[in-house]
Amino acid sequence: MLSSDVSALDELLAPDLIFTNHLGQLLGKEDDLAAHRSGMLKVKELTPSEQHVRPNGDVAIVSVRMQLSGMYDGSPAAAIFVSRVSGLSPLTRLGMLLAAHSSIVA
């Protein structure tokens, strides 16, 4: 995310990714990749805290408070977010992001 490495993100994001952003918009993998590819989304800093991981078979539910700063569509952006559901790909057995939700925390 920090380098907008679209090739790496393409491998880490599940093909049927469900991402609900802080505005309540439902986005998919191609939406996320397009934002990085076009430069619309530029992440400058990610600082995690308060991480909780709950493994369950081939899936892990992760809740982490993440301080994010960067640019979105030419405007400064800052947020604190996110819950994630990650799972192992049946083909590669590598972790992939299946779903994510972000919220701004006051």
Protein backbone atom coordinates (compact mmCIF):
# COMPACT_ATOMS: atom_id res chain seq x y z
CA MET A 1 0.00 0.00 0.00
CA LEU A 2 2.78 2.43 0.91
CA SER A 3 4.43 2.09 -2.48
CA SER A 4 1.20 1.43 -4.43
CA ASP A 5 2.78 -1.78 -5.69
CA VAL A 6 -0.15 -2.95 -7.81
CA SER A 7 1.48 -6.30 -8.62
CA ALA A 8 1.93 -7.13 -4.93
CA LEU A 9 -1.58 -5.90 -4.08
CA ASP A 10 -2.98 -8.01 -6.92
CA GLU A 11 -1.51 -11.12 -5.26
CA LEU A 12 -2.64 -10.15 -1.74
CA LEU A 13 -6.24 -9.18 -2.53
CA ALA A 14 -8.77 -11.96 -3.10
CA PRO A 15 -10.46 -11.83 -6.53
CA ASP A 16 -13.85 -11.33 -4.87
CA LEU A 17 -12.64 -8.85 -2.22
CA ILE A 18 -15.37 -6.91 -0.40
CA PHE A 19 -14.18 -3.58 1.00
CA THR A 20 -16.49 -1.11 2.71
CA ASN A 21 -14.77 2.25 3.01
CA HIS A 22 -15.30 4.96 5.61
CA LEU A 23 -18.03 6.51 3.43
CA GLY A 24 -20.00 3.25 3.35
CA GLN A 25 -19.13 2.60 -0.31
CA LEU A 26 -18.72 -1.03 -1.32
CA LEU A 27 -15.59 -1.58 -3.40
CA GLY A 28 -13.95 -4.60 -5.00
CA LYS A 29 -10.45 -5.65 -5.87
CA GLU A 30 -10.38 -3.86 -9.22
CA ASP A 31 -11.60 -0.62 -7.60
CA ASP A 32 -8.75 -0.76 -5.09
CA LEU A 33 -6.12 -1.61 -7.70
CA ALA A 34 -7.38 1.15 -10.00
CA ALA A 35 -7.08 3.75 -7.21
CA HIS A 36 -3.43 2.78 -6.68
CA ARG A 37 -2.66 2.41 -10.39
CA SER A 38 -4.04 5.86 -11.27
CA GLY A 39 -2.40 7.63 -8.34
CA MET A 40 -5.80 8.63 -6.93
CA LEU A 41 -4.77 6.94 -3.65
CA LYS A 42 -1.32 7.59 -2.21
CA VAL A 43 -0.61 6.22 1.25
CA LYS A 44 2.24 7.99 3.01
CA GLU A 45 2.08 6.42 6.47
CA LEU A 46 0.47 3.40 8.16
CA THR A 47 0.94 3.02 11.90
CA PRO A 48 -0.78 0.01 13.53
CA SER A 49 -1.89 -0.33 17.15
CA GLU A 50 -4.42 -2.32 19.16
CA GLN A 51 -4.20 -5.41 16.97
CA HIS A 52 -6.44 -8.41 17.66
CA VAL A 53 -6.23 -11.62 15.60
CA ARG A 54 -8.76 -14.46 15.82
CA PRO A 55 -7.71 -17.48 13.71
CA ASN A 56 -10.42 -19.90 12.67
CA GLY A 57 -9.33 -22.67 10.29
CA ASP A 58 -8.13 -21.14 7.02
CA VAL A 59 -9.52 -17.71 7.97
CA ALA A 60 -8.35 -15.07 10.42
CA ILE A 61 -10.39 -12.09 11.57
CA VAL A 62 -8.14 -9.14 12.29
CA SER A 63 -9.10 -5.92 14.02
CA VAL A 64 -6.40 -3.28 14.08
CA ARG A 65 -6.45 0.39 14.82
CA MET A 66 -4.42 1.86 11.96
CA GLN A 67 -3.39 5.50 11.62
CA LEU A 68 -3.28 6.30 7.91
CA SER A 69 -2.11 9.47 6.21
CA GLY A 70 -1.72 10.27 2.55
CA MET A 71 -3.63 11.73 -0.40
CA TYR A 72 -6.95 10.79 -1.96
CA ASP A 73 -7.94 12.39 -5.26
CA GLY A 74 -5.48 15.25 -4.69
CA SER A 75 -6.63 16.08 -1.16
CA PRO A 76 -4.89 15.25 2.11
CA ALA A 77 -6.40 12.20 3.78
CA ALA A 78 -6.09 10.91 7.31
CA ALA A 79 -8.05 8.17 9.00
CA ILE A 80 -7.97 5.58 11.71
CA PHE A 81 -9.47 2.22 10.79
CA VAL A 82 -9.87 -1.16 10.03
CA SER A 83 -11.23 -4.67 10.45
CA ARG A 84 -10.16 -7.38 8.04
CA VAL A 85 -10.96 -10.96 7.19
CA SER A 86 -8.06 -12.84 5.68
CA GLY A 87 -7.92 -16.39 4.42
CA LEU A 88 -5.60 -18.85 2.79
CA SER A 89 -5.90 -19.25 -0.94
CA PRO A 90 -6.80 -22.88 -1.73
CA LEU A 91 -4.43 -22.74 -4.71
CA THR A 92 -1.34 -21.11 -3.22
CA ARG A 93 -2.00 -21.47 0.53
CA LEU A 94 -0.85 -17.87 0.86
CA GLY A 95 -2.82 -15.34 2.88
CA MET A 96 -5.23 -13.16 0.91
CA LEU A 97 -7.43 -10.30 2.05
CA LEU A 98 -11.05 -11.44 1.67
CA ALA A 99 -12.92 -8.53 3.22
CA ALA A 100 -12.18 -5.24 4.96
CA HIS A 101 -14.08 -2.43 6.59
CA SER A 102 -12.72 0.98 7.50
CA SER A 103 -14.15 3.53 9.88
CA ILE A 104 -12.91 6.89 11.03
CA VAL A 105 -12.39 6.80 14.77
CA ALA A 106 -12.61 10.06 16.69
